[in-house]
Amino acid sequence: FLERPVEAAILDHLSPEIRDQHLVAAAFELPLTPEDEEFFGEGLEDAGQALVLRGELRKAGKGLVPRRSGFAASDVSLRSSSAGDMAVIDRDSGEVIGTVETGRAFTTIHPGAVYMHLGTSWEVEMLDPVEGQAIVHRFDDEWYTRPRVETEIFIDRTLETREINGVKLRFGHLSVTDQVMAYQRILSADGEAFDLVDLDLPEQEFATRGLWYEVPEEFITGMALNEMLGALHATEHGQIAVLPLIAMCDRWDIGGLSTNLHLQTGKPTIFIYDGHPGGIGLTRRAFDLFPRLVGDALRLIAECPCDSGCPSCVQSPKCGNLNEPLFKSGAVSLLEAMAST
C-alpha cells in the first residue's frame, strides 16, 4: 500500500475565494506586511488593498489587520468555499437538523424537495433565502425528488489555448448561471418518474474557471440533431465521471454543459467547470491532462456492458437535464475520434 503513488490533491491557493479568507484569518494572528509575500505569493499587496476597500481589513501601523473583532478563522467554512449555509429546521420541534451550502440550496432544499439527513427523510415546506433557512417535516412516502436545472455559461476570459488531436481546447474564466425550473418525483421502488412539478426560483450566478472545447463538425457528421445532443451530453457526463481519477475530488465538485451551438463559440461545445465560486483548480488539472481524460472516459463508456447508457457510464446523479438526451454509442464515436485523430 505504501508503495502506491499518492493521490493528486488539488488546491488553488491563489483563487480569490480561498486566498482572501486565508489572508483575513492570517492577519488576525499577525498584521500582514509586504514581507509576507514570501509566504502568500505575488499579488499579496493588491489582494490586501482590495480587502481594505471591501472593509475586511484596515491599516494598523505598517501592516493590515481585520476590521472586525473576534476570531477570523471561525468565519471560514470547512465544508466548502462558498459563503454561508442555509439552516434546515424541523417544523415541529424548531430544531436545526442540518445545514446546506447556500450555493446548493435551490437544488437540495427547494420547496417540495425530499431532503435526506442521517438516514431520515424530510419534505421541504418552505425555503427562505433571505432568512437563510428551510422549514421541513418528517416524510415517509416511497418516492424522492430530483431537480431540473437550466444552465447558461458565458466565457469571460480565455487564459490558455491548446490543440490536441484536432480539438481546440481552452481554459479560462467563466460565468455560470443556474436556475432550478422544476423537480421530478421518482418512485423509490423502480426509479420511475411519475410527476414533474414546476418551480419559480431566482437565477443563481457565480464566477468560476473551467475548460471548454469545440467539437469538430467531422466528429459528429451523420448524426441527427437529437443524436448529436445525446452524444455531446453523454461525452460530458463521461468526462466528469472520470475526472476524480485525475484530481482528488467528487463529481459533485464539478459542473458541465454541452450544447450543439454556443452563443460565443458558434459551434458544438462542451464545458467542464469547477463547481465552486472562483474555481479550486480541478478543471485546470483536467486541462493539463486532457488526453488522459478522453481516454479514461472512452474506456468507462465503451467497456460498460449496458446497451444504451446506465448509471455506471453516462447517466449522472446530478444531471440538471434529468439525463436527457443521452446517446451512448455516439459518445463512444466522439471520444474515439478525439483519442485517435
C-alpha atoms as a PDB file:
ATOM      1  CA  PHE A   1       0.000   0.000   0.000  1.00  0.00           C
ATOM      2  CA  LEU A   2       2.742   2.475   0.951  1.00  0.00           C
ATOM      3  CA  GLU A   3       4.453   1.940  -2.395  1.00  0.00           C
ATOM      4  CA  ARG A   4       1.459   3.181  -4.389  1.00  0.00           C
ATOM      5  CA  PRO A   5       1.585   6.714  -5.841  1.00  0.00           C
ATOM      6  CA  VAL A   6      -0.138   9.355  -3.734  1.00  0.00           C
ATOM      7  CA  GLU A   7      -3.447  10.868  -4.814  1.00  0.00           C
ATOM      8  CA  ALA A   8      -3.416  14.178  -6.660  1.00  0.00           C
ATOM      9  CA  ALA A   9      -4.898  16.546  -4.090  1.00  0.00           C
ATOM     10  CA  ILE A  10      -5.651  19.843  -5.839  1.00  0.00           C
ATOM     11  CA  LEU A  11      -5.725  23.234  -4.114  1.00  0.00           C
ATOM     12  CA  ASP A  12      -5.525  26.518  -5.984  1.00  0.00           C
ATOM     13  CA  HIS A  13      -4.403  28.762  -3.134  1.00  0.00           C
ATOM     14  CA  LEU A  14      -4.364  31.811  -5.430  1.00  0.00           C
ATOM     15  CA  SER A  15      -8.097  31.546  -6.083  1.00  0.00           C
ATOM     16  CA  PRO A  16      -9.512  34.780  -4.588  1.00  0.00           C
ATOM     17  CA  GLU A  17     -12.301  32.902  -2.802  1.00  0.00           C
ATOM     18  CA  ILE A  18      -9.714  30.774  -0.978  1.00  0.00           C
ATOM     19  CA  ARG A  19      -6.883  33.301  -0.652  1.00  0.00           C
ATOM     20  CA  ASP A  20      -8.931  36.219   0.693  1.00  0.00           C
ATOM     21  CA  GLN A  21     -10.449  34.241   3.557  1.00  0.00           C
ATOM     22  CA  HIS A  22      -6.999  32.900   4.404  1.00  0.00           C
ATOM     23  CA  LEU A  23      -5.460  36.390   4.425  1.00  0.00           C
ATOM     24  CA  VAL A  24      -8.073  37.745   6.832  1.00  0.00           C
ATOM     25  CA  ALA A  25      -7.516  34.787   9.153  1.00  0.00           C
ATOM     26  CA  ALA A  26      -3.737  35.234   8.945  1.00  0.00           C
ATOM     27  CA  ALA A  27      -4.000  38.971   9.656  1.00  0.00           C
ATOM     28  CA  PHE A  28      -5.844  38.139  12.875  1.00  0.00           C
ATOM     29  CA  GLU A  29      -2.724  36.374  14.150  1.00  0.00           C
ATOM     30  CA  LEU A  30      -0.117  38.869  12.900  1.00  0.00           C
ATOM     31  CA  PRO A  31      -0.503  42.060  10.833  1.00  0.00           C
ATOM     32  CA  LEU A  32       0.093  41.438   7.133  1.00  0.00           C
ATOM     33  CA  THR A  33       3.089  43.287   5.693  1.00  0.00           C
ATOM     34  CA  PRO A  34       4.723  43.343   2.236  1.00  0.00           C
ATOM     35  CA  GLU A  35       7.379  40.962   3.567  1.00  0.00           C
ATOM     36  CA  ASP A  36       4.689  38.282   3.906  1.00  0.00           C
ATOM     37  CA  GLU A  37       4.715  37.880   0.129  1.00  0.00           C
ATOM     38  CA  GLU A  38       7.321  35.207   0.839  1.00  0.00           C
ATOM     39  CA  PHE A  39       4.536  33.087   2.331  1.00  0.00           C
ATOM     40  CA  PHE A  40       1.454  34.172   0.372  1.00  0.00           C
ATOM     41  CA  GLY A  41       2.915  34.679  -3.092  1.00  0.00           C
ATOM     42  CA  GLU A  42       2.930  37.516  -5.579  1.00  0.00           C
ATOM     43  CA  GLY A  43      -0.055  39.809  -5.553  1.00  0.00           C
ATOM     44  CA  LEU A  44      -0.298  39.998  -1.768  1.00  0.00           C
ATOM     45  CA  GLU A  45      -0.224  43.797  -1.736  1.00  0.00           C
ATOM     46  CA  ASP A  46      -3.001  44.108  -4.333  1.00  0.00           C
ATOM     47  CA  ALA A  47      -5.089  41.471  -2.550  1.00  0.00           C
ATOM     48  CA  GLY A  48      -4.627  43.267   0.765  1.00  0.00           C
ATOM     49  CA  GLN A  49      -5.696  46.612  -0.679  1.00  0.00           C
ATOM     50  CA  ALA A  50      -8.777  45.001  -2.215  1.00  0.00           C
ATOM     51  CA  LEU A  51      -9.707  43.603   1.201  1.00  0.00           C
ATOM     52  CA  VAL A  52      -9.268  47.079   2.715  1.00  0.00           C
ATOM     53  CA  LEU A  53     -11.658  48.539   0.134  1.00  0.00           C
ATOM     54  CA  ARG A  54     -14.175  45.778   0.901  1.00  0.00           C
ATOM     55  CA  GLY A  55     -13.998  46.531   4.613  1.00  0.00           C
ATOM     56  CA  GLU A  56     -12.413  43.219   5.580  1.00  0.00           C
ATOM     57  CA  LEU A  57      -9.036  44.649   6.635  1.00  0.00           C
ATOM     58  CA  ARG A  58      -7.763  48.004   7.921  1.00  0.00           C
ATOM     59  CA  LYS A  59      -4.374  49.632   8.155  1.00  0.00           C
ATOM     60  CA  ALA A  60      -2.592  49.451  11.504  1.00  0.00           C
ATOM     61  CA  GLY A  61       0.923  50.856  11.526  1.00  0.00           C
ATOM     62  CA  LYS A  62       2.862  49.234   8.701  1.00  0.00           C
ATOM     63  CA  GLY A  63       0.536  46.273   8.379  1.00  0.00           C
ATOM     64  CA  LEU A  64      -3.064  45.200   7.826  1.00  0.00           C
ATOM     65  CA  VAL A  65      -5.352  43.709  10.467  1.00  0.00           C
ATOM     66  CA  PRO A  66      -9.010  42.569  10.419  1.00  0.00           C
ATOM     67  CA  ARG A  67     -11.549  45.372  10.712  1.00  0.00           C
ATOM     68  CA  ARG A  68     -13.871  43.225  12.826  1.00  0.00           C
ATOM     69  CA  SER A  69     -13.044  41.846  16.226  1.00  0.00           C
ATOM     70  CA  GLY A  70     -13.341  38.150  17.001  1.00  0.00           C
ATOM     71  CA  PHE A  71     -11.634  35.003  15.786  1.00  0.00           C
ATOM     72  CA  ALA A  72     -11.492  35.472  11.999  1.00  0.00           C
ATOM     73  CA  ALA A  73     -10.964  31.796  11.153  1.00  0.00           C
ATOM     74  CA  SER A  74     -14.352  30.915  12.659  1.00  0.00           C
ATOM     75  CA  ASP A  75     -15.993  32.635   9.666  1.00  0.00           C
ATOM     76  CA  VAL A  76     -14.342  30.220   7.222  1.00  0.00           C
ATOM     77  CA  SER A  77     -16.374  27.165   6.286  1.00  0.00           C
ATOM     78  CA  LEU A  78     -14.553  23.841   6.493  1.00  0.00           C
ATOM     79  CA  ARG A  79     -17.079  22.254   4.112  1.00  0.00           C
ATOM     80  CA  SER A  80     -16.936  24.499   1.072  1.00  0.00           C
ATOM     81  CA  SER A  81     -15.539  27.661  -0.470  1.00  0.00           C
ATOM     82  CA  SER A  82     -18.989  29.200  -0.889  1.00  0.00           C
ATOM     83  CA  ALA A  83     -20.205  31.835   1.526  1.00  0.00           C
ATOM     84  CA  GLY A  84     -22.642  30.784   4.207  1.00  0.00           C
ATOM     85  CA  ASP A  85     -25.007  27.922   4.870  1.00  0.00           C
ATOM     86  CA  MET A  86     -28.785  27.530   4.998  1.00  0.00           C
ATOM     87  CA  ALA A  87     -30.262  26.106   8.190  1.00  0.00           C
ATOM     88  CA  VAL A  88     -32.697  23.192   7.827  1.00  0.00           C
ATOM     89  CA  ILE A  89     -35.282  23.464  10.618  1.00  0.00           C
ATOM     90  CA  ASP A  90     -37.752  20.849  11.850  1.00  0.00           C
ATOM     91  CA  ARG A  91     -41.212  22.438  11.728  1.00  0.00           C
ATOM     92  CA  ASP A  92     -42.481  20.550  14.775  1.00  0.00           C
ATOM     93  CA  SER A  93     -39.550  20.938  17.171  1.00  0.00           C
ATOM     94  CA  GLY A  94     -37.975  24.116  15.851  1.00  0.00           C
ATOM     95  CA  GLU A  95     -34.564  22.442  15.991  1.00  0.00           C
ATOM     96  CA  VAL A  96     -31.899  22.856  13.332  1.00  0.00           C
ATOM     97  CA  ILE A  97     -31.377  19.355  11.951  1.00  0.00           C
ATOM     98  CA  GLY A  98     -28.734  20.233   9.388  1.00  0.00           C
ATOM     99  CA  THR A  99     -27.214  22.833   7.089  1.00  0.00           C
ATOM    100  CA  VAL A 100     -26.837  23.105   3.320  1.00  0.00           C
ATOM    101  CA  GLU A 101     -24.343  25.242   1.426  1.00  0.00           C
ATOM    102  CA  THR A 102     -26.052  28.382   0.146  1.00  0.00           C
ATOM    103  CA  GLY A 103     -24.912  27.679  -3.405  1.00  0.00           C
ATOM    104  CA  ARG A 104     -26.664  24.283  -3.396  1.00  0.00           C
ATOM    105  CA  ALA A 105     -29.808  25.242  -1.505  1.00  0.00           C
ATOM    106  CA  PHE A 106     -32.053  25.681  -4.549  1.00  0.00           C
ATOM    107  CA  THR A 107     -31.199  22.213  -5.863  1.00  0.00           C
ATOM    108  CA  THR A 108     -31.234  20.449  -2.488  1.00  0.00           C
ATOM    109  CA  ILE A 109     -33.879  22.100  -0.269  1.00  0.00           C
ATOM    110  CA  HIS A 110     -36.235  23.798  -2.726  1.00  0.00           C
ATOM    111  CA  PRO A 111     -39.950  23.742  -1.827  1.00  0.00           C
ATOM    112  CA  GLY A 112     -41.233  20.179  -2.241  1.00  0.00           C
ATOM    113  CA  ALA A 113     -37.784  18.578  -2.145  1.00  0.00           C
ATOM    114  CA  VAL A 114     -37.230  15.370  -0.211  1.00  0.00           C
ATOM    115  CA  TYR A 115     -34.176  16.026   1.949  1.00  0.00           C
ATOM    116  CA  MET A 116     -32.212  13.119   3.413  1.00  0.00           C
ATOM    117  CA  HIS A 117     -30.345  13.659   6.676  1.00  0.00           C
ATOM    118  CA  LEU A 118     -28.767  10.951   8.835  1.00  0.00           C
ATOM    119  CA  GLY A 119     -30.987   8.271   7.335  1.00  0.00           C
ATOM    120  CA  THR A 120     -34.230  10.204   7.838  1.00  0.00           C
ATOM    121  CA  SER A 121     -36.337  11.707   5.036  1.00  0.00           C
ATOM    122  CA  TRP A 122     -37.781  15.192   5.334  1.00  0.00           C
ATOM    123  CA  GLU A 123     -40.023  17.141   2.967  1.00  0.00           C
ATOM    124  CA  VAL A 124     -39.297  20.829   2.475  1.00  0.00           C
ATOM    125  CA  GLU A 125     -42.305  23.065   3.133  1.00  0.00           C
ATOM    126  CA  MET A 126     -40.666  26.430   2.654  1.00  0.00           C
ATOM    127  CA  LEU A 127     -37.322  27.911   1.677  1.00  0.00           C
ATOM    128  CA  ASP A 128     -36.488  31.448   2.779  1.00  0.00           C
ATOM    129  CA  PRO A 129     -33.183  32.576   1.199  1.00  0.00           C
ATOM    130  CA  VAL A 130     -33.358  35.956   2.954  1.00  0.00           C
ATOM    131  CA  GLU A 131     -33.549  34.395   6.421  1.00  0.00           C
ATOM    132  CA  GLY A 132     -31.215  31.597   5.350  1.00  0.00           C
ATOM    133  CA  GLN A 133     -33.465  28.733   6.377  1.00  0.00           C
ATOM    134  CA  ALA A 134     -35.719  25.947   5.137  1.00  0.00           C
ATOM    135  CA  ILE A 135     -38.659  24.522   7.094  1.00  0.00           C
ATOM    136  CA  VAL A 136     -39.132  20.749   6.834  1.00  0.00           C
ATOM    137  CA  HIS A 137     -41.281  17.974   8.278  1.00  0.00           C
ATOM    138  CA  ARG A 138     -40.753  14.221   8.516  1.00  0.00           C
ATOM    139  CA  PHE A 139     -41.569  12.314   5.343  1.00  0.00           C
ATOM    140  CA  ASP A 140     -42.338   8.615   4.930  1.00  0.00           C
ATOM    141  CA  ASP A 141     -43.649   8.265   1.364  1.00  0.00           C
ATOM    142  CA  GLU A 142     -41.974   5.938  -1.143  1.00  0.00           C
ATOM    143  CA  TRP A 143     -40.519   8.497  -3.515  1.00  0.00           C
ATOM    144  CA  TYR A 144     -37.688  11.008  -3.786  1.00  0.00           C
ATOM    145  CA  THR A 145     -37.050  14.158  -5.822  1.00  0.00           C
ATOM    146  CA  ARG A 146     -34.581  15.308  -8.457  1.00  0.00           C
ATOM    147  CA  PRO A 147     -34.300  18.941  -9.667  1.00  0.00           C
ATOM    148  CA  ARG A 148     -34.307  20.081 -13.292  1.00  0.00           C
ATOM    149  CA  VAL A 149     -31.835  22.902 -13.761  1.00  0.00           C
ATOM    150  CA  GLU A 150     -31.212  25.172 -16.730  1.00  0.00           C
ATOM    151  CA  THR A 151     -27.609  26.327 -17.039  1.00  0.00           C
ATOM    152  CA  GLU A 152     -26.077  29.065 -19.152  1.00  0.00           C
ATOM    153  CA  ILE A 153     -22.358  29.771 -19.455  1.00  0.00           C
ATOM    154  CA  PHE A 154     -20.665  32.981 -20.555  1.00  0.00           C
ATOM    155  CA  ILE A 155     -16.967  32.943 -21.421  1.00  0.00           C
ATOM    156  CA  ASP A 156     -15.391  35.886 -19.596  1.00  0.00           C
ATOM    157  CA  ARG A 157     -11.735  35.410 -20.477  1.00  0.00           C
ATOM    158  CA  THR A 158      -9.567  32.759 -22.102  1.00  0.00           C
ATOM    159  CA  LEU A 159      -6.345  32.131 -20.198  1.00  0.00           C
ATOM    160  CA  GLU A 160      -4.801  29.296 -22.216  1.00  0.00           C
ATOM    161  CA  THR A 161      -5.410  27.530 -25.513  1.00  0.00           C
ATOM    162  CA  ARG A 162      -4.159  24.172 -26.788  1.00  0.00           C
ATOM    163  CA  GLU A 163      -4.945  21.960 -29.754  1.00  0.00           C
ATOM    164  CA  ILE A 164      -4.972  18.242 -29.028  1.00  0.00           C
ATOM    165  CA  ASN A 165      -5.872  15.662 -31.666  1.00  0.00           C
ATOM    166  CA  GLY A 166      -7.723  18.221 -33.736  1.00  0.00           C
ATOM    167  CA  VAL A 167      -9.690  19.603 -30.785  1.00  0.00           C
ATOM    168  CA  LYS A 168      -9.300  23.265 -29.787  1.00  0.00           C
ATOM    169  CA  LEU A 169      -9.132  23.174 -26.002  1.00  0.00           C
ATOM    170  CA  ARG A 170      -9.366  26.301 -23.866  1.00  0.00           C
ATOM    171  CA  PHE A 171      -9.150  27.153 -20.179  1.00  0.00           C
ATOM    172  CA  GLY A 172     -10.301  30.357 -18.561  1.00  0.00           C
ATOM    173  CA  HIS A 173     -12.786  32.369 -16.540  1.00  0.00           C
ATOM    174  CA  LEU A 174     -16.494  31.548 -16.872  1.00  0.00           C
ATOM    175  CA  SER A 175     -19.743  32.970 -15.536  1.00  0.00           C
ATOM    176  CA  VAL A 176     -22.276  30.240 -14.773  1.00  0.00           C
ATOM    177  CA  THR A 177     -25.984  30.951 -14.335  1.00  0.00           C
ATOM    178  CA  ASP A 178     -28.208  28.219 -12.899  1.00  0.00           C
ATOM    179  CA  GLN A 179     -31.971  28.262 -12.455  1.00  0.00           C
ATOM    180  CA  VAL A 180     -33.958  25.416 -10.897  1.00  0.00           C
ATOM    181  CA  MET A 181     -37.039  25.194 -13.127  1.00  0.00           C
ATOM    182  CA  ALA A 182     -38.838  22.131 -11.734  1.00  0.00           C
ATOM    183  CA  TYR A 183     -38.368  18.851  -9.912  1.00  0.00           C
ATOM    184  CA  GLN A 184     -39.244  15.245 -10.644  1.00  0.00           C
ATOM    185  CA  ARG A 185     -40.844  12.917  -8.147  1.00  0.00           C
ATOM    186  CA  ILE A 186     -39.418   9.422  -8.554  1.00  0.00           C
ATOM    187  CA  LEU A 187     -40.601   6.125  -7.098  1.00  0.00           C
ATOM    188  CA  SER A 188     -38.004   4.547  -4.832  1.00  0.00           C
ATOM    189  CA  ALA A 189     -39.004   1.011  -5.828  1.00  0.00           C
ATOM    190  CA  ASP A 190     -38.214   1.189  -9.542  1.00  0.00           C
ATOM    191  CA  GLY A 191     -36.701   4.623 -10.174  1.00  0.00           C
ATOM    192  CA  GLU A 192     -39.596   5.645 -12.425  1.00  0.00           C
ATOM    193  CA  ALA A 193     -40.545   9.328 -12.516  1.00  0.00           C
ATOM    194  CA  PHE A 194     -44.271   9.879 -12.038  1.00  0.00           C
ATOM    195  CA  ASP A 195     -44.555  13.656 -11.807  1.00  0.00           C
ATOM    196  CA  LEU A 196     -42.858  16.921 -12.766  1.00  0.00           C
ATOM    197  CA  VAL A 197     -43.575  19.959 -10.592  1.00  0.00           C
ATOM    198  CA  ASP A 198     -42.742  23.488 -11.769  1.00  0.00           C
ATOM    199  CA  LEU A 199     -40.851  25.883  -9.514  1.00  0.00           C
ATOM    200  CA  ASP A 200     -40.430  29.646  -9.519  1.00  0.00           C
ATOM    201  CA  LEU A 201     -36.956  30.291  -8.139  1.00  0.00           C
ATOM    202  CA  PRO A 202     -34.468  33.052  -8.981  1.00  0.00           C
ATOM    203  CA  GLU A 203     -31.324  32.553 -11.001  1.00  0.00           C
ATOM    204  CA  GLN A 204     -28.017  31.974  -9.261  1.00  0.00           C
ATOM    205  CA  GLU A 205     -24.817  33.196 -10.872  1.00  0.00           C
ATOM    206  CA  PHE A 206     -21.236  32.564  -9.902  1.00  0.00           C
ATOM    207  CA  ALA A 207     -17.815  33.085 -11.437  1.00  0.00           C
ATOM    208  CA  THR A 208     -15.505  30.127 -11.777  1.00  0.00           C
ATOM    209  CA  ARG A 209     -12.869  28.625 -14.021  1.00  0.00           C
ATOM    210  CA  GLY A 210     -13.129  25.739 -16.398  1.00  0.00           C
ATOM    211  CA  LEU A 211     -12.182  24.149 -19.694  1.00  0.00           C
ATOM    212  CA  TRP A 212     -14.158  24.020 -22.888  1.00  0.00           C
ATOM    213  CA  TYR A 213     -13.659  22.691 -26.369  1.00  0.00           C
ATOM    214  CA  GLU A 214     -15.369  22.995 -29.709  1.00  0.00           C
ATOM    215  CA  VAL A 215     -16.283  19.655 -31.246  1.00  0.00           C
ATOM    216  CA  PRO A 216     -15.132  19.446 -34.895  1.00  0.00           C
ATOM    217  CA  GLU A 217     -18.004  19.004 -37.324  1.00  0.00           C
ATOM    218  CA  GLU A 218     -16.437  15.887 -38.841  1.00  0.00           C
ATOM    219  CA  PHE A 219     -16.655  14.128 -35.463  1.00  0.00           C
ATOM    220  CA  ILE A 220     -20.452  14.329 -35.470  1.00  0.00           C
ATOM    221  CA  THR A 221     -21.230  14.161 -39.175  1.00  0.00           C
ATOM    222  CA  GLY A 222     -24.181  11.888 -39.944  1.00  0.00           C
ATOM    223  CA  MET A 223     -25.838  12.252 -36.547  1.00  0.00           C
ATOM    224  CA  ALA A 224     -29.399  13.519 -36.347  1.00  0.00           C
ATOM    225  CA  LEU A 225     -29.900  16.550 -34.084  1.00  0.00           C
ATOM    226  CA  ASN A 226     -31.132  14.564 -31.092  1.00  0.00           C
ATOM    227  CA  GLU A 227     -28.333  12.012 -31.552  1.00  0.00           C
ATOM    228  CA  MET A 228     -25.756  14.795 -31.638  1.00  0.00           C
ATOM    229  CA  LEU A 229     -27.202  16.389 -28.490  1.00  0.00           C
ATOM    230  CA  GLY A 230     -27.179  12.997 -26.781  1.00  0.00           C
ATOM    231  CA  ALA A 231     -23.605  12.243 -27.862  1.00  0.00           C
ATOM    232  CA  LEU A 232     -22.328  15.602 -26.587  1.00  0.00           C
ATOM    233  CA  HIS A 233     -24.259  15.190 -23.339  1.00  0.00           C
ATOM    234  CA  ALA A 234     -23.039  11.629 -22.739  1.00  0.00           C
ATOM    235  CA  THR A 235     -19.447  12.643 -23.510  1.00  0.00           C
ATOM    236  CA  GLU A 236     -19.677  15.467 -20.972  1.00  0.00           C
ATOM    237  CA  HIS A 237     -21.057  13.065 -18.340  1.00  0.00           C
ATOM    238  CA  GLY A 238     -18.344  10.501 -19.035  1.00  0.00           C
ATOM    239  CA  GLN A 239     -15.542  13.024 -18.685  1.00  0.00           C
ATOM    240  CA  ILE A 240     -16.977  14.417 -15.443  1.00  0.00           C
ATOM    241  CA  ALA A 241     -17.353  10.869 -14.092  1.00  0.00           C
ATOM    242  CA  VAL A 242     -13.654  10.081 -14.569  1.00  0.00           C
ATOM    243  CA  LEU A 243     -12.227  13.464 -13.590  1.00  0.00           C
ATOM    244  CA  PRO A 244     -11.932  12.321  -9.927  1.00  0.00           C
ATOM    245  CA  LEU A 245      -9.354   9.790 -11.190  1.00  0.00           C
ATOM    246  CA  ILE A 246      -7.166  12.734 -12.203  1.00  0.00           C
ATOM    247  CA  ALA A 247      -7.894  15.170  -9.374  1.00  0.00           C
ATOM    248  CA  MET A 248      -8.858  14.089  -5.870  1.00  0.00           C
ATOM    249  CA  CYS A 249     -12.453  15.311  -5.808  1.00  0.00           C
ATOM    250  CA  ASP A 250     -16.071  14.236  -6.042  1.00  0.00           C
ATOM    251  CA  ARG A 251     -18.163  14.557  -9.194  1.00  0.00           C
ATOM    252  CA  TRP A 252     -20.403  16.929  -7.206  1.00  0.00           C
ATOM    253  CA  ASP A 253     -17.454  19.360  -7.181  1.00  0.00           C
ATOM    254  CA  ILE A 254     -17.632  19.620 -10.972  1.00  0.00           C
ATOM    255  CA  GLY A 255     -20.207  21.115 -13.312  1.00  0.00           C
ATOM    256  CA  GLY A 256     -20.730  20.716 -17.015  1.00  0.00           C
ATOM    257  CA  LEU A 257     -22.706  21.869 -20.021  1.00  0.00           C
ATOM    258  CA  SER A 258     -22.923  20.586 -23.572  1.00  0.00           C
ATOM    259  CA  THR A 259     -24.631  22.391 -26.421  1.00  0.00           C
ATOM    260  CA  ASN A 260     -24.914  21.979 -30.161  1.00  0.00           C
ATOM    261  CA  LEU A 261     -24.451  25.748 -30.626  1.00  0.00           C
ATOM    262  CA  HIS A 262     -22.918  28.046 -28.049  1.00  0.00           C
ATOM    263  CA  LEU A 263     -23.569  31.767 -28.464  1.00  0.00           C
ATOM    264  CA  GLN A 264     -19.902  32.749 -28.226  1.00  0.00           C
ATOM    265  CA  THR A 265     -18.118  29.853 -29.924  1.00  0.00           C
ATOM    266  CA  GLY A 266     -20.745  29.428 -32.623  1.00  0.00           C
ATOM    267  CA  LYS A 267     -20.086  25.673 -32.622  1.00  0.00           C
ATOM    268  CA  PRO A 268     -20.951  22.478 -30.731  1.00  0.00           C
ATOM    269  CA  THR A 269     -19.176  22.975 -27.405  1.00  0.00           C
ATOM    270  CA  ILE A 270     -18.604  21.050 -24.182  1.00  0.00           C
ATOM    271  CA  PHE A 271     -17.821  22.892 -20.934  1.00  0.00           C
ATOM    272  CA  ILE A 272     -16.452  21.330 -17.743  1.00  0.00           C
ATOM    273  CA  TYR A 273     -16.002  23.730 -14.836  1.00  0.00           C
ATOM    274  CA  ASP A 274     -15.202  23.894 -11.141  1.00  0.00           C
ATOM    275  CA  GLY A 275     -18.490  23.822  -9.261  1.00  0.00           C
ATOM    276  CA  HIS A 276     -17.231  26.191  -6.552  1.00  0.00           C
ATOM    277  CA  PRO A 277     -17.115  30.003  -6.821  1.00  0.00           C
ATOM    278  CA  GLY A 278     -13.791  31.237  -8.116  1.00  0.00           C
ATOM    279  CA  GLY A 279     -12.613  27.762  -9.071  1.00  0.00           C
ATOM    280  CA  ILE A 280     -10.398  25.492  -7.000  1.00  0.00           C
ATOM    281  CA  GLY A 281      -8.069  24.074  -9.640  1.00  0.00           C
ATOM    282  CA  LEU A 282      -9.831  20.825 -10.531  1.00  0.00           C
ATOM    283  CA  THR A 283     -10.508  21.526 -14.187  1.00  0.00           C
ATOM    284  CA  ARG A 284      -7.093  23.126 -14.555  1.00  0.00           C
ATOM    285  CA  ARG A 285      -5.628  19.674 -13.950  1.00  0.00           C
ATOM    286  CA  ALA A 286      -8.102  18.195 -16.435  1.00  0.00           C
ATOM    287  CA  PHE A 287      -6.920  20.783 -18.978  1.00  0.00           C
ATOM    288  CA  ASP A 288      -3.303  19.737 -18.409  1.00  0.00           C
ATOM    289  CA  LEU A 289      -4.140  16.019 -18.678  1.00  0.00           C
ATOM    290  CA  PHE A 290      -6.872  16.224 -21.311  1.00  0.00           C
ATOM    291  CA  PRO A 291      -5.716  13.216 -23.406  1.00  0.00           C
ATOM    292  CA  ARG A 292      -5.966  11.058 -20.288  1.00  0.00           C
ATOM    293  CA  LEU A 293      -9.425  12.482 -19.547  1.00  0.00           C
ATOM    294  CA  VAL A 294     -10.555  11.488 -23.042  1.00  0.00           C
ATOM    295  CA  GLY A 295      -9.048   8.005 -22.774  1.00  0.00           C
ATOM    296  CA  ASP A 296     -10.482   7.306 -19.327  1.00  0.00           C
ATOM    297  CA  ALA A 297     -13.952   8.457 -20.406  1.00  0.00           C
ATOM    298  CA  LEU A 298     -13.771   6.315 -23.546  1.00  0.00           C
ATOM    299  CA  ARG A 299     -12.898   3.201 -21.551  1.00  0.00           C
ATOM    300  CA  LEU A 300     -15.618   3.899 -18.984  1.00  0.00           C
ATOM    301  CA  ILE A 301     -18.337   4.146 -21.625  1.00  0.00           C
ATOM    302  CA  ALA A 302     -17.121   1.634 -24.224  1.00  0.00           C
ATOM    303  CA  GLU A 303     -16.439  -1.143 -21.705  1.00  0.00           C
ATOM    304  CA  CYS A 304     -19.767  -0.804 -19.895  1.00  0.00           C
ATOM    305  CA  PRO A 305     -21.960  -3.791 -20.881  1.00  0.00           C
ATOM    306  CA  CYS A 306     -25.227  -1.814 -20.941  1.00  0.00           C
ATOM    307  CA  ASP A 307     -26.984  -1.180 -24.244  1.00  0.00           C
ATOM    308  CA  SER A 308     -27.872   2.498 -24.190  1.00  0.00           C
ATOM    309  CA  GLY A 309     -26.402   4.056 -21.056  1.00  0.00           C
ATOM    310  CA  CYS A 310     -26.731   3.466 -17.335  1.00  0.00           C
ATOM    311  CA  PRO A 311     -25.598   4.975 -14.004  1.00  0.00           C
ATOM    312  CA  SER A 312     -22.271   3.160 -14.377  1.00  0.00           C
ATOM    313  CA  CYS A 313     -21.318   5.044 -17.530  1.00  0.00           C
ATOM    314  CA  VAL A 314     -23.211   8.023 -18.966  1.00  0.00           C
ATOM    315  CA  GLN A 315     -26.070   8.680 -16.545  1.00  0.00           C
ATOM    316  CA  SER A 316     -25.245  11.212 -13.843  1.00  0.00           C
ATOM    317  CA  PRO A 317     -26.912  11.512 -10.413  1.00  0.00           C
ATOM    318  CA  LYS A 318     -26.541  15.297 -10.593  1.00  0.00           C
ATOM    319  CA  CYS A 319     -27.694  15.988 -14.141  1.00  0.00           C
ATOM    320  CA  GLY A 320     -29.847  19.111 -14.291  1.00  0.00           C
ATOM    321  CA  ASN A 321     -31.451  17.882 -17.526  1.00  0.00           C
ATOM    322  CA  LEU A 322     -32.652  14.672 -15.872  1.00  0.00           C
ATOM    323  CA  ASN A 323     -30.255  12.627 -18.050  1.00  0.00           C
ATOM    324  CA  GLU A 324     -31.993  13.505 -21.307  1.00  0.00           C
ATOM    325  CA  PRO A 325     -30.972  13.128 -24.070  1.00  0.00           C
ATOM    326  CA  LEU A 326     -28.097  10.620 -23.926  1.00  0.00           C
ATOM    327  CA  PHE A 327     -26.629   8.703 -26.880  1.00  0.00           C
ATOM    328  CA  LYS A 328     -24.064   6.200 -25.635  1.00  0.00           C
ATOM    329  CA  SER A 329     -22.785   4.884 -28.966  1.00  0.00           C
ATOM    330  CA  GLY A 330     -22.491   8.454 -30.247  1.00  0.00           C
ATOM    331  CA  ALA A 331     -20.332   9.352 -27.249  1.00  0.00           C
ATOM    332  CA  VAL A 332     -18.080   6.368 -27.956  1.00  0.00           C
ATOM    333  CA  SER A 333     -17.665   7.511 -31.578  1.00  0.00           C
ATOM    334  CA  LEU A 334     -16.939  11.076 -30.491  1.00  0.00           C
ATOM    335  CA  LEU A 335     -14.376  10.049 -27.870  1.00  0.00           C
ATOM    336  CA  GLU A 336     -12.707   7.609 -30.289  1.00  0.00           C
ATOM    337  CA  ALA A 337     -12.332  10.448 -32.782  1.00  0.00           C
ATOM    338  CA  MET A 338     -10.777  12.698 -30.134  1.00  0.00           C
ATOM    339  CA  ALA A 339      -8.438   9.935 -28.983  1.00  0.00           C
ATOM    340  CA  SER A 340      -7.175   8.861 -32.396  1.00  0.00           C
ATOM    341  CA  THR A 341      -7.154  11.881 -34.678  1.00  0.00           C
END
